[in-house]
Structures are given as structure tokens and as C-alpha cells.
Amino acid sequence: MITIYGYPFTRSTRATWALEEIGAEYDFVPVNLSKGEHKKPEFLKINPAGKVPALVDGDLILAETAAIVTYIGEKFPTSGLVPADIADRAHYFQWNFFNMTELEAPLWVRAKHTSQFPEARRVPAVAESCLWEFHRATAVLAQHMEGREYAVGDRFTAADIMLCGTLNWARVSEVSLASAVLDAYADRILARPALATARAREAKAAA
């Protein structure tokens, strides 16, 4: 059985969301970040980077959310989380890579320079530049999503999980998406019942 190590309101929800979408059985093991459990030796054996989520499936240990949701989609191919069509599959990877490098990266760097780094390491100008970079990326995504319901093909995939996970992070961080198209896309995808179930399960496990 798949085990997800994670914590509520983090990237781990993308992994549990994917599993809930396909109705897969899995265990969720909370790693309390506020108590430093991600830095303890027992967790570092699973992910030496000390980050969540991490997936364990038999002998396989996997980190990095995009890799995890892709693995889940490929382990359950009939789910459609990873497209079978070669062209749709190529676009699936395109938008996953775009999300990680162009959309999420500036948000994460901004977070480092506003709250994560020690104050002496924070550079306000970098945080401002990250907002500019993020909005350049949202403009590209908004153009792509014009007239579309999903990011790839004509059905929901794990690319929507990744993209809307990042758009939600922006909203939580009080960063405007600056696009009615993206607001509608995020509202639609984030309203999926599987996400609510995943959030509730994580919260219950971490309580």
C-alpha cells in the first residue's frame, strides 16, 4: 500500500488529492513541521532533504510532488491522471515543468525572502521581483487556459492538481492571480470533492 508522509496545508495535499481522485487506498503519516519532525533522523532516512511529501510504495521511496503525482497516475493508468495519448502526455509534462520552474519557483523564492530566511538573509527587492516574475507566468497560463476547462486535453489530469495547487498557494499568500480566467479555473478545480476529502483526512491524522 502507498504511504504518504506529509502535513496539512503543504504540497503533500497534492499527493493525497491525487490518491483521493482515483479512490486508492493509502496511509497518511503526519510529519509535524512545526515540531521539527521533518528534521529527525527517522524522517531524513526517507527524504534526506527533510521536506514533505514523501511517498513510500514497497521498496520505492519518492520525493518531489510532481514526480509523486505522476507516479500515482502511472501506477493507476485507467485513472487518466497521466494521459495515455502521446501528444497529451507531452503537454502534461510541459505544464508540470512550467508549474515547477515558472509558476511555483518565484512564489517559493518570494516566501524565502519574506518569511522563511533569517531576517539578515532577506532581500525585499528580490521578493518584489518574484511577484513580477510570477505574474509573467500567470499571463502565459491564462492565455493557455482561455476557452479551456482543463490544462491538458479535455479531461482532468494531475497537471491540474499541480497548477491549481500553486494558484491556491498564491491566493493563501495574498498574491493576486490578476486574471479572471485563472480565478475561474482555480475555483473550478479547487472545488473538486476529492480535494476536500484529502484535506479533511490530513487534518484528522495531524490532530
N, C-alpha and C. Protein backbone atom coordinates (compact mmCIF):
# COMPACT_ATOMS: atom_id res chain seq x y z
N MET A 1 0.84 -1.21 0.00
CA MET A 1 0.00 0.00 0.00
C MET A 1 0.87 1.25 0.00
N ILE A 2 0.43 2.28 -0.68
CA ILE A 2 1.15 3.54 -0.73
C ILE A 2 1.03 4.26 0.63
N THR A 3 2.13 4.81 1.08
CA THR A 3 2.15 5.65 2.28
C THR A 3 2.64 7.03 1.89
N ILE A 4 1.91 8.04 2.31
CA ILE A 4 2.31 9.44 2.08
C ILE A 4 2.69 10.05 3.42
N TYR A 5 3.89 10.57 3.47
CA TYR A 5 4.35 11.34 4.63
C TYR A 5 4.13 12.81 4.30
N GLY A 6 3.39 13.50 5.15
CA GLY A 6 3.10 14.90 4.83
C GLY A 6 2.53 15.65 6.00
N TYR A 7 2.02 16.84 5.70
CA TYR A 7 1.48 17.72 6.73
C TYR A 7 0.41 18.59 6.08
N PRO A 8 -0.68 18.90 6.80
CA PRO A 8 -1.75 19.70 6.20
C PRO A 8 -1.27 21.07 5.70
N PHE A 9 -1.92 21.54 4.64
CA PHE A 9 -1.65 22.86 4.07
C PHE A 9 -0.23 22.97 3.52
N THR A 10 0.29 21.86 3.02
CA THR A 10 1.58 21.87 2.35
C THR A 10 1.41 21.18 0.99
N ARG A 11 2.51 21.00 0.29
CA ARG A 11 2.46 20.34 -1.01
C ARG A 11 1.99 18.89 -0.90
N SER A 12 2.02 18.32 0.30
CA SER A 12 1.60 16.92 0.44
C SER A 12 0.14 16.73 0.05
N THR A 13 -0.65 17.80 0.15
CA THR A 13 -2.06 17.68 -0.22
C THR A 13 -2.23 17.35 -1.69
N ARG A 14 -1.27 17.73 -2.52
CA ARG A 14 -1.35 17.38 -3.94
C ARG A 14 -1.30 15.87 -4.12
N ALA A 15 -0.48 15.21 -3.32
CA ALA A 15 -0.36 13.75 -3.42
C ALA A 15 -1.61 13.06 -2.90
N THR A 16 -2.12 13.48 -1.74
CA THR A 16 -3.33 12.85 -1.20
C THR A 16 -4.53 13.16 -2.09
N TRP A 17 -4.56 14.35 -2.66
CA TRP A 17 -5.63 14.72 -3.60
C TRP A 17 -5.66 13.77 -4.78
N ALA A 18 -4.48 13.52 -5.36
CA ALA A 18 -4.40 12.59 -6.50
C ALA A 18 -4.92 11.21 -6.11
N LEU A 19 -4.55 10.73 -4.94
CA LEU A 19 -4.99 9.42 -4.50
C LEU A 19 -6.49 9.38 -4.24
N GLU A 20 -7.03 10.46 -3.70
CA GLU A 20 -8.48 10.52 -3.46
C GLU A 20 -9.24 10.59 -4.78
N GLU A 21 -8.68 11.22 -5.78
CA GLU A 21 -9.35 11.31 -7.08
C GLU A 21 -9.62 9.92 -7.66
N ILE A 22 -8.71 9.01 -7.41
CA ILE A 22 -8.86 7.68 -8.02
C ILE A 22 -9.37 6.65 -7.03
N GLY A 23 -9.65 7.09 -5.79
CA GLY A 23 -10.19 6.17 -4.79
C GLY A 23 -9.21 5.11 -4.34
N ALA A 24 -7.93 5.42 -4.37
CA ALA A 24 -6.91 4.44 -3.99
C ALA A 24 -6.79 4.36 -2.47
N GLU A 25 -6.46 3.18 -1.99
CA GLU A 25 -6.17 3.01 -0.56
C GLU A 25 -4.75 3.50 -0.29
N TYR A 26 -4.60 4.23 0.81
CA TYR A 26 -3.26 4.71 1.17
C TYR A 26 -3.24 5.04 2.66
N ASP A 27 -2.04 5.10 3.21
CA ASP A 27 -1.84 5.57 4.57
C ASP A 27 -1.27 6.97 4.52
N PHE A 28 -1.71 7.80 5.45
CA PHE A 28 -1.15 9.15 5.57
C PHE A 28 -0.47 9.26 6.92
N VAL A 29 0.82 9.52 6.90
CA VAL A 29 1.59 9.64 8.14
C VAL A 29 1.97 11.11 8.32
N PRO A 30 1.42 11.77 9.35
CA PRO A 30 1.74 13.19 9.54
C PRO A 30 3.17 13.40 10.02
N VAL A 31 3.80 14.38 9.43
CA VAL A 31 5.15 14.81 9.83
C VAL A 31 4.99 16.25 10.28
N ASN A 32 4.99 16.47 11.58
CA ASN A 32 4.68 17.79 12.13
C ASN A 32 5.85 18.75 11.90
N LEU A 33 5.68 19.64 10.94
CA LEU A 33 6.76 20.57 10.61
C LEU A 33 7.00 21.57 11.73
N SER A 34 5.93 21.98 12.41
CA SER A 34 6.09 22.98 13.47
C SER A 34 6.87 22.43 14.66
N LYS A 35 6.89 21.10 14.79
CA LYS A 35 7.65 20.47 15.87
C LYS A 35 9.01 19.95 15.39
N GLY A 36 9.32 20.21 14.14
CA GLY A 36 10.62 19.83 13.61
C GLY A 36 10.77 18.36 13.30
N GLU A 37 9.64 17.65 13.14
CA GLU A 37 9.72 16.21 12.87
C GLU A 37 10.35 15.90 11.52
N HIS A 38 10.33 16.88 10.61
CA HIS A 38 10.95 16.67 9.30
C HIS A 38 12.48 16.68 9.37
N LYS A 39 13.02 17.09 10.51
CA LYS A 39 14.47 17.14 10.68
C LYS A 39 15.01 15.98 11.51
N LYS A 40 14.10 15.12 11.96
CA LYS A 40 14.53 13.99 12.79
C LYS A 40 15.13 12.88 11.93
N PRO A 41 16.07 12.12 12.48
CA PRO A 41 16.77 11.10 11.69
C PRO A 41 15.85 10.09 11.03
N GLU A 42 14.76 9.72 11.70
CA GLU A 42 13.89 8.70 11.13
C GLU A 42 13.21 9.19 9.85
N PHE A 43 12.88 10.49 9.80
CA PHE A 43 12.29 11.00 8.55
C PHE A 43 13.38 11.29 7.52
N LEU A 44 14.52 11.74 7.95
CA LEU A 44 15.59 12.04 7.00
C LEU A 44 16.07 10.78 6.27
N LYS A 45 15.83 9.61 6.85
CA LYS A 45 16.14 8.37 6.15
C LYS A 45 15.21 8.19 4.95
N ILE A 46 14.00 8.75 5.06
CA ILE A 46 13.04 8.65 3.96
C ILE A 46 13.29 9.74 2.92
N ASN A 47 13.45 10.96 3.39
CA ASN A 47 13.77 12.06 2.49
C ASN A 47 14.89 12.90 3.11
N PRO A 48 16.11 12.72 2.65
CA PRO A 48 17.24 13.45 3.22
C PRO A 48 17.12 14.97 3.11
N ALA A 49 16.25 15.44 2.19
CA ALA A 49 16.04 16.88 2.06
C ALA A 49 15.19 17.42 3.20
N GLY A 50 14.55 16.53 3.97
CA GLY A 50 13.74 16.97 5.10
C GLY A 50 12.49 17.73 4.69
N LYS A 51 11.91 17.33 3.56
CA LYS A 51 10.72 18.02 3.07
C LYS A 51 9.59 17.02 2.85
N VAL A 52 8.36 17.55 2.90
CA VAL A 52 7.19 16.75 2.57
C VAL A 52 6.60 17.28 1.27
N PRO A 53 5.94 16.38 0.52
CA PRO A 53 5.63 15.00 0.85
C PRO A 53 6.75 14.04 0.47
N ALA A 54 6.61 12.84 0.98
CA ALA A 54 7.42 11.71 0.53
C ALA A 54 6.48 10.53 0.37
N LEU A 55 6.72 9.74 -0.64
CA LEU A 55 5.89 8.55 -0.91
C LEU A 55 6.73 7.31 -0.71
N VAL A 56 6.12 6.32 -0.07
CA VAL A 56 6.75 5.01 0.06
C VAL A 56 5.75 3.99 -0.48
N ASP A 57 6.22 3.17 -1.42
CA ASP A 57 5.38 2.12 -2.01
C ASP A 57 6.26 0.90 -2.17
N GLY A 58 6.18 0.00 -1.19
CA GLY A 58 7.08 -1.15 -1.20
C GLY A 58 8.51 -0.69 -1.03
N ASP A 59 9.37 -1.03 -1.98
CA ASP A 59 10.78 -0.65 -1.91
C ASP A 59 11.03 0.74 -2.50
N LEU A 60 10.01 1.33 -3.10
CA LEU A 60 10.18 2.63 -3.74
C LEU A 60 9.97 3.75 -2.74
N ILE A 61 10.92 4.66 -2.68
CA ILE A 61 10.80 5.90 -1.91
C ILE A 61 10.94 7.04 -2.89
N LEU A 62 9.98 7.97 -2.86
CA LEU A 62 9.95 9.02 -3.87
C LEU A 62 9.62 10.36 -3.22
N ALA A 63 10.38 11.38 -3.60
CA ALA A 63 10.13 12.75 -3.18
C ALA A 63 9.79 13.59 -4.42
N GLU A 64 9.53 14.85 -4.20
CA GLU A 64 9.16 15.83 -5.23
C GLU A 64 7.73 15.58 -5.72
N THR A 65 6.88 16.55 -5.48
CA THR A 65 5.45 16.38 -5.69
C THR A 65 5.09 16.03 -7.13
N ALA A 66 5.71 16.71 -8.08
CA ALA A 66 5.38 16.43 -9.49
C ALA A 66 5.70 14.99 -9.83
N ALA A 67 6.80 14.47 -9.30
CA ALA A 67 7.16 13.07 -9.53
C ALA A 67 6.17 12.14 -8.85
N ILE A 68 5.73 12.52 -7.66
CA ILE A 68 4.81 11.67 -6.90
C ILE A 68 3.45 11.55 -7.59
N VAL A 69 2.88 12.69 -8.00
CA VAL A 69 1.55 12.61 -8.64
C VAL A 69 1.64 11.90 -9.99
N THR A 70 2.78 12.05 -10.66
CA THR A 70 2.96 11.34 -11.93
C THR A 70 3.07 9.84 -11.68
N TYR A 71 3.79 9.46 -10.66
CA TYR A 71 3.89 8.04 -10.31
C TYR A 71 2.52 7.47 -9.99
N ILE A 72 1.73 8.20 -9.22
CA ILE A 72 0.39 7.74 -8.87
C ILE A 72 -0.45 7.55 -10.14
N GLY A 73 -0.36 8.51 -11.06
CA GLY A 73 -1.10 8.40 -12.30
C GLY A 73 -0.67 7.22 -13.14
N GLU A 74 0.62 6.94 -13.15
CA GLU A 74 1.12 5.83 -13.95
C GLU A 74 0.87 4.48 -13.27
N LYS A 75 0.82 4.47 -11.95
CA LYS A 75 0.52 3.22 -11.23
C LYS A 75 -0.94 2.83 -11.44
N PHE A 76 -1.79 3.85 -11.62
CA PHE A 76 -3.22 3.61 -11.86
C PHE A 76 -3.57 4.21 -13.23
N PRO A 77 -3.15 3.57 -14.30
CA PRO A 77 -3.27 4.18 -15.64
C PRO A 77 -4.69 4.46 -16.08
N THR A 78 -5.66 3.69 -15.60
CA THR A 78 -7.04 3.94 -16.03
C THR A 78 -7.63 5.19 -15.38
N SER A 79 -6.91 5.76 -14.42
CA SER A 79 -7.41 6.97 -13.74
C SER A 79 -7.41 8.18 -14.66
N GLY A 80 -6.52 8.17 -15.66
CA GLY A 80 -6.39 9.32 -16.55
C GLY A 80 -5.61 10.48 -15.95
N LEU A 81 -5.07 10.32 -14.76
CA LEU A 81 -4.30 11.41 -14.16
C LEU A 81 -3.07 11.75 -14.99
N VAL A 82 -2.51 10.74 -15.65
CA VAL A 82 -1.45 10.95 -16.63
C VAL A 82 -2.00 10.47 -17.97
N PRO A 83 -2.08 11.34 -18.96
CA PRO A 83 -2.70 10.95 -20.23
C PRO A 83 -1.97 9.80 -20.92
N ALA A 84 -2.75 8.97 -21.59
CA ALA A 84 -2.16 7.87 -22.36
C ALA A 84 -1.75 8.32 -23.75
N ASP A 85 -2.52 9.26 -24.32
CA ASP A 85 -2.20 9.77 -25.65
C ASP A 85 -0.84 10.46 -25.64
N ILE A 86 0.00 10.17 -26.63
CA ILE A 86 1.38 10.65 -26.59
C ILE A 86 1.47 12.17 -26.64
N ALA A 87 0.59 12.81 -27.43
CA ALA A 87 0.63 14.26 -27.51
C ALA A 87 0.13 14.89 -26.21
N ASP A 88 -0.98 14.37 -25.68
CA ASP A 88 -1.48 14.89 -24.40
C ASP A 88 -0.47 14.64 -23.29
N ARG A 89 0.20 13.50 -23.35
CA ARG A 89 1.21 13.19 -22.34
C ARG A 89 2.36 14.19 -22.40
N ALA A 90 2.77 14.54 -23.61
CA ALA A 90 3.84 15.55 -23.77
C ALA A 90 3.41 16.88 -23.17
N HIS A 91 2.16 17.28 -23.43
CA HIS A 91 1.67 18.54 -22.87
C HIS A 91 1.50 18.45 -21.36
N TYR A 92 1.16 17.25 -20.88
CA TYR A 92 1.09 17.05 -19.43
C TYR A 92 2.44 17.38 -18.79
N PHE A 93 3.51 16.85 -19.35
CA PHE A 93 4.84 17.14 -18.80
C PHE A 93 5.21 18.61 -19.00
N GLN A 94 4.83 19.17 -20.13
CA GLN A 94 5.11 20.59 -20.36
C GLN A 94 4.56 21.46 -19.24
N TRP A 95 3.28 21.25 -18.90
CA TRP A 95 2.66 22.12 -17.91
C TRP A 95 3.09 21.77 -16.49
N ASN A 96 3.48 20.53 -16.24
CA ASN A 96 4.07 20.22 -14.94
C ASN A 96 5.42 20.92 -14.77
N PHE A 97 6.25 20.87 -15.80
CA PHE A 97 7.55 21.53 -15.72
C PHE A 97 7.37 23.05 -15.63
N PHE A 98 6.42 23.59 -16.39
CA PHE A 98 6.14 25.02 -16.34
C PHE A 98 5.72 25.42 -14.93
N ASN A 99 4.86 24.60 -14.33
CA ASN A 99 4.41 24.91 -12.98
C ASN A 99 5.58 24.99 -12.00
N MET A 100 6.44 24.01 -12.04
CA MET A 100 7.53 23.97 -11.07
C MET A 100 8.58 25.04 -11.30
N THR A 101 8.90 25.32 -12.57
CA THR A 101 10.00 26.24 -12.86
C THR A 101 9.58 27.69 -13.03
N GLU A 102 8.39 27.91 -13.59
CA GLU A 102 7.97 29.27 -13.92
C GLU A 102 6.92 29.83 -12.96
N LEU A 103 6.03 28.98 -12.48
CA LEU A 103 4.90 29.46 -11.68
C LEU A 103 5.18 29.35 -10.18
N GLU A 104 5.61 28.17 -9.75
CA GLU A 104 5.82 27.97 -8.32
C GLU A 104 7.15 28.53 -7.82
N ALA A 105 8.18 28.43 -8.63
CA ALA A 105 9.52 28.86 -8.18
C ALA A 105 9.54 30.30 -7.67
N PRO A 106 8.97 31.28 -8.39
CA PRO A 106 9.01 32.63 -7.84
C PRO A 106 8.22 32.80 -6.56
N LEU A 107 7.14 32.05 -6.40
CA LEU A 107 6.40 32.11 -5.14
C LEU A 107 7.25 31.61 -3.98
N TRP A 108 7.99 30.53 -4.23
CA TRP A 108 8.81 29.95 -3.17
C TRP A 108 9.97 30.88 -2.83
N VAL A 109 10.60 31.45 -3.83
CA VAL A 109 11.70 32.40 -3.56
C VAL A 109 11.17 33.61 -2.81
N ARG A 110 9.99 34.08 -3.22
CA ARG A 110 9.37 35.21 -2.50
C ARG A 110 9.13 34.85 -1.04
N ALA A 111 8.62 33.65 -0.79
CA ALA A 111 8.38 33.22 0.59
C ALA A 111 9.67 33.20 1.40
N LYS A 112 10.75 32.77 0.77
CA LYS A 112 12.04 32.75 1.47
C LYS A 112 12.45 34.15 1.90
N HIS A 113 12.20 35.13 1.02
CA HIS A 113 12.66 36.50 1.29
C HIS A 113 11.64 37.33 2.06
N THR A 114 10.50 36.73 2.42
CA THR A 114 9.52 37.43 3.25
C THR A 114 9.32 36.77 4.61
N SER A 115 9.55 35.45 4.69
CA SER A 115 9.27 34.79 5.98
C SER A 115 10.18 33.61 6.32
N GLN A 116 10.74 32.94 5.32
CA GLN A 116 11.47 31.70 5.59
C GLN A 116 12.93 31.93 5.98
N PHE A 117 13.61 32.82 5.29
CA PHE A 117 15.02 33.08 5.59
C PHE A 117 15.16 33.85 6.91
N PRO A 118 16.31 33.72 7.58
CA PRO A 118 16.60 34.64 8.69
C PRO A 118 16.56 36.07 8.16
N GLU A 119 16.15 37.00 8.99
CA GLU A 119 15.95 38.37 8.53
C GLU A 119 17.18 38.95 7.84
N ALA A 120 18.35 38.57 8.29
CA ALA A 120 19.57 39.11 7.70
C ALA A 120 19.77 38.64 6.26
N ARG A 121 19.11 37.55 5.89
CA ARG A 121 19.25 36.99 4.54
C ARG A 121 18.14 37.44 3.59
N ARG A 122 17.13 38.14 4.11
CA ARG A 122 16.01 38.55 3.27
C ARG A 122 16.34 39.81 2.48
N VAL A 123 15.96 39.80 1.21
CA VAL A 123 16.19 40.95 0.33
C VAL A 123 14.83 41.38 -0.22
N PRO A 124 14.26 42.46 0.26
CA PRO A 124 12.93 42.88 -0.19
C PRO A 124 12.82 43.05 -1.70
N ALA A 125 13.89 43.52 -2.32
CA ALA A 125 13.84 43.73 -3.77
C ALA A 125 13.67 42.41 -4.51
N VAL A 126 14.25 41.34 -3.97
CA VAL A 126 14.10 40.02 -4.59
C VAL A 126 12.64 39.58 -4.51
N ALA A 127 12.02 39.80 -3.35
CA ALA A 127 10.61 39.43 -3.18
C ALA A 127 9.74 40.17 -4.19
N GLU A 128 10.02 41.44 -4.42
CA GLU A 128 9.25 42.22 -5.38
C GLU A 128 9.47 41.71 -6.80
N SER A 129 10.69 41.36 -7.12
CA SER A 129 10.98 40.82 -8.46
C SER A 129 10.26 39.49 -8.68
N CYS A 130 10.13 38.73 -7.62
CA CYS A 130 9.44 37.44 -7.73
C CYS A 130 7.96 37.63 -8.08
N LEU A 131 7.33 38.66 -7.53
CA LEU A 131 5.95 38.94 -7.88
C LEU A 131 5.82 39.26 -9.36
N TRP A 132 6.74 40.05 -9.86
CA TRP A 132 6.75 40.39 -11.28
C TRP A 132 6.93 39.13 -12.12
N GLU A 133 7.84 38.27 -11.71
CA GLU A 133 8.09 37.03 -12.45
C GLU A 133 6.88 36.11 -12.39
N PHE A 134 6.24 36.02 -11.23
CA PHE A 134 5.05 35.18 -11.09
C PHE A 134 3.94 35.65 -12.04
N HIS A 135 3.73 36.95 -12.13
CA HIS A 135 2.67 37.46 -12.98
C HIS A 135 2.99 37.32 -14.47
N ARG A 136 4.25 37.28 -14.80
CA ARG A 136 4.61 36.95 -16.19
C ARG A 136 4.16 35.52 -16.49
N ALA A 137 4.36 34.62 -15.54
CA ALA A 137 3.98 33.22 -15.73
C ALA A 137 2.46 33.05 -15.75
N THR A 138 1.76 33.77 -14.87
CA THR A 138 0.30 33.65 -14.87
C THR A 138 -0.30 34.16 -16.17
N ALA A 139 0.33 35.14 -16.77
CA ALA A 139 -0.16 35.65 -18.06
C ALA A 139 -0.07 34.57 -19.13
N VAL A 140 1.02 33.80 -19.11
CA VAL A 140 1.18 32.71 -20.08
C VAL A 140 0.14 31.63 -19.83
N LEU A 141 -0.05 31.27 -18.57
CA LEU A 141 -1.04 30.24 -18.24
C LEU A 141 -2.45 30.70 -18.58
N ALA A 142 -2.76 31.96 -18.29
CA ALA A 142 -4.10 32.48 -18.58
C ALA A 142 -4.39 32.43 -20.07
N GLN A 143 -3.40 32.75 -20.87
CA GLN A 143 -3.59 32.68 -22.33
C GLN A 143 -3.89 31.24 -22.76
N HIS A 144 -3.17 30.30 -22.16
CA HIS A 144 -3.38 28.89 -22.49
C HIS A 144 -4.77 28.42 -22.05
N MET A 145 -5.24 28.90 -20.90
CA MET A 145 -6.49 28.42 -20.34
C MET A 145 -7.73 29.10 -20.93
N GLU A 146 -7.53 30.11 -21.73
CA GLU A 146 -8.67 30.79 -22.35
C GLU A 146 -9.49 29.79 -23.16
N GLY A 147 -10.76 29.63 -22.79
CA GLY A 147 -11.64 28.72 -23.51
C GLY A 147 -11.44 27.26 -23.16
N ARG A 148 -10.58 26.96 -22.18
CA ARG A 148 -10.33 25.58 -21.78
C ARG A 148 -10.91 25.30 -20.39
N GLU A 149 -11.30 24.07 -20.18
CA GLU A 149 -11.73 23.65 -18.85
C GLU A 149 -10.58 23.06 -18.07
N TYR A 150 -9.69 22.34 -18.75
CA TYR A 150 -8.55 21.68 -18.11
C TYR A 150 -7.27 22.07 -18.83
N ALA A 151 -6.16 21.88 -18.15
CA ALA A 151 -4.88 22.30 -18.71
C ALA A 151 -4.44 21.45 -19.89
N VAL A 152 -4.79 20.16 -19.86
CA VAL A 152 -4.34 19.22 -20.90
C VAL A 152 -5.54 18.47 -21.46
N GLY A 153 -5.70 18.52 -22.76
CA GLY A 153 -6.77 17.76 -23.39
C GLY A 153 -8.14 18.21 -22.91
N ASP A 154 -9.04 17.26 -22.82
CA ASP A 154 -10.42 17.59 -22.46
C ASP A 154 -10.86 16.94 -21.16
N ARG A 155 -9.87 16.59 -20.30
CA ARG A 155 -10.23 15.98 -19.03
C ARG A 155 -9.25 16.35 -17.94
N PHE A 156 -9.68 16.16 -16.70
CA PHE A 156 -8.87 16.45 -15.53
C PHE A 156 -7.65 15.54 -15.49
N THR A 157 -6.47 16.12 -15.20
CA THR A 157 -5.24 15.35 -15.03
C THR A 157 -4.49 15.87 -13.80
N ALA A 158 -3.41 15.19 -13.49
CA ALA A 158 -2.58 15.64 -12.36
C ALA A 158 -1.92 16.98 -12.65
N ALA A 159 -1.86 17.40 -13.91
CA ALA A 159 -1.35 18.73 -14.21
C ALA A 159 -2.25 19.79 -13.60
N ASP A 160 -3.56 19.55 -13.58
CA ASP A 160 -4.49 20.49 -12.94
C ASP A 160 -4.25 20.53 -11.43
N ILE A 161 -3.94 19.38 -10.84
CA ILE A 161 -3.61 19.36 -9.42
C ILE A 161 -2.39 20.23 -9.14
N MET A 162 -1.36 20.07 -9.93
CA MET A 162 -0.14 20.83 -9.72
C MET A 162 -0.34 22.32 -9.94
N LEU A 163 -0.97 22.68 -11.04
CA LEU A 163 -1.16 24.09 -11.36
C LEU A 163 -2.06 24.78 -10.35
N CYS A 164 -3.19 24.15 -10.02
CA CYS A 164 -4.12 24.79 -9.10
C CYS A 164 -3.64 24.73 -7.66
N GLY A 165 -2.79 23.76 -7.35
CA GLY A 165 -2.14 23.77 -6.05
C GLY A 165 -1.30 25.03 -5.89
N THR A 166 -0.61 25.41 -6.96
CA THR A 166 0.21 26.61 -6.92
C THR A 166 -0.64 27.87 -6.92
N LEU A 167 -1.69 27.89 -7.73
CA LEU A 167 -2.58 29.06 -7.74
C LEU A 167 -3.22 29.26 -6.37
N ASN A 168 -3.56 28.16 -5.71
CA ASN A 168 -4.11 28.26 -4.36
C ASN A 168 -3.09 28.81 -3.38
N TRP A 169 -1.85 28.37 -3.52
CA TRP A 169 -0.78 28.89 -2.66
C TRP A 169 -0.66 30.41 -2.84
N ALA A 170 -0.74 30.88 -4.08
CA ALA A 170 -0.68 32.32 -4.32
C ALA A 170 -1.81 33.03 -3.58
N ARG A 171 -3.01 32.49 -3.69
CA ARG A 171 -4.15 33.12 -3.02
C ARG A 171 -3.97 33.16 -1.52
N VAL A 172 -3.52 32.04 -0.94
CA VAL A 172 -3.29 31.98 0.51
C VAL A 172 -2.23 33.00 0.92
N SER A 173 -1.28 33.24 0.03
CA SER A 173 -0.21 34.22 0.29
C SER A 173 -0.63 35.63 -0.05
N GLU A 174 -1.91 35.81 -0.39
CA GLU A 174 -2.48 37.10 -0.75
C GLU A 174 -1.80 37.70 -1.97
N VAL A 175 -1.47 36.84 -2.92
CA VAL A 175 -0.93 37.27 -4.21
C VAL A 175 -2.04 37.11 -5.24
N SER A 176 -2.42 38.18 -5.86
CA SER A 176 -3.49 38.15 -6.86
C SER A 176 -3.06 37.35 -8.09
N LEU A 177 -4.02 36.62 -8.65
CA LEU A 177 -3.74 35.91 -9.90
C LEU A 177 -3.85 36.86 -11.09
N ALA A 178 -4.46 38.00 -10.88
CA ALA A 178 -4.55 39.05 -11.90
C ALA A 178 -5.17 38.55 -13.19
N SER A 179 -6.10 37.61 -13.07
CA SER A 179 -6.71 37.03 -14.26
C SER A 179 -8.05 36.40 -13.91
N ALA A 180 -9.11 36.87 -14.53
CA ALA A 180 -10.43 36.27 -14.31
C ALA A 180 -10.45 34.84 -14.82
N VAL A 181 -9.71 34.57 -15.89
CA VAL A 181 -9.64 33.21 -16.44
C VAL A 181 -9.03 32.26 -15.42
N LEU A 182 -7.94 32.67 -14.79
CA LEU A 182 -7.28 31.80 -13.81
C LEU A 182 -8.08 31.70 -12.53
N ASP A 183 -8.75 32.76 -12.13
CA ASP A 183 -9.61 32.68 -10.95
C ASP A 183 -10.72 31.66 -11.17
N ALA A 184 -11.32 31.68 -12.35
CA ALA A 184 -12.38 30.73 -12.65
C ALA A 184 -11.84 29.31 -12.72
N TYR A 185 -10.68 29.14 -13.33
CA TYR A 185 -10.03 27.82 -13.42
C TYR A 185 -9.74 27.28 -12.03
N ALA A 186 -9.12 28.11 -11.18
CA ALA A 186 -8.78 27.68 -9.83
C ALA A 186 -10.04 27.35 -9.03
N ASP A 187 -11.06 28.20 -9.12
CA ASP A 187 -12.30 27.94 -8.39
C ASP A 187 -12.91 26.59 -8.79
N ARG A 188 -12.88 26.32 -10.07
CA ARG A 188 -13.49 25.09 -10.60
C ARG A 188 -12.74 23.85 -10.12
N ILE A 189 -11.41 23.88 -10.23
CA ILE A 189 -10.61 22.71 -9.88
C ILE A 189 -10.54 22.51 -8.36
N LEU A 190 -10.41 23.60 -7.63
CA LEU A 190 -10.28 23.50 -6.17
C LEU A 190 -11.58 23.12 -5.49
N ALA A 191 -12.68 23.15 -6.23
CA ALA A 191 -13.98 22.74 -5.68
C ALA A 191 -14.22 21.24 -5.81
N ARG A 192 -13.28 20.50 -6.38
CA ARG A 192 -13.48 19.07 -6.56
C ARG A 192 -13.58 18.37 -5.20
N PRO A 193 -14.55 17.46 -5.05
CA PRO A 193 -14.75 16.78 -3.75
C PRO A 193 -13.52 16.04 -3.25
N ALA A 194 -12.71 15.49 -4.16
CA ALA A 194 -11.54 14.73 -3.73
C ALA A 194 -10.56 15.60 -2.95
N LEU A 195 -10.46 16.87 -3.30
CA LEU A 195 -9.57 17.77 -2.58
C LEU A 195 -10.08 17.99 -1.16
N ALA A 196 -11.37 18.22 -1.01
CA ALA A 196 -11.94 18.40 0.33
C ALA A 196 -11.72 17.16 1.19
N THR A 197 -11.87 15.99 0.58
CA THR A 197 -11.65 14.74 1.31
C THR A 197 -10.19 14.61 1.74
N ALA A 198 -9.27 14.95 0.84
CA ALA A 198 -7.84 14.86 1.15
C ALA A 198 -7.48 15.81 2.29
N ARG A 199 -7.98 17.02 2.24
CA ARG A 199 -7.69 18.00 3.30
C ARG A 199 -8.22 17.52 4.64
N ALA A 200 -9.43 16.98 4.63
CA ALA A 200 -10.03 16.51 5.88
C ALA A 200 -9.24 15.33 6.46
N ARG A 201 -8.80 14.43 5.60
CA ARG A 201 -8.05 13.28 6.08
C ARG A 201 -6.71 13.70 6.65
N GLU A 202 -6.04 14.62 6.02
CA GLU A 202 -4.76 15.11 6.54
C GLU A 202 -4.96 15.79 7.89
N ALA A 203 -5.99 16.63 7.99
CA ALA A 203 -6.24 17.35 9.23
C ALA A 203 -6.56 16.40 10.38
N LYS A 204 -7.35 15.38 10.10
CA LYS A 204 -7.72 14.40 11.13
C LYS A 204 -6.48 13.64 11.61
N ALA A 205 -5.62 13.26 10.66
CA ALA A 205 -4.42 12.50 11.02
C ALA A 205 -3.44 13.33 11.84
N ALA A 206 -3.41 14.64 11.55
CA ALA A 206 -2.44 15.51 12.23
C ALA A 206 -2.96 16.07 13.55
N ALA A 207 -4.26 15.86 13.81
CA ALA A 207 -4.86 16.44 15.04
C ALA A 207 -4.29 15.80 16.30
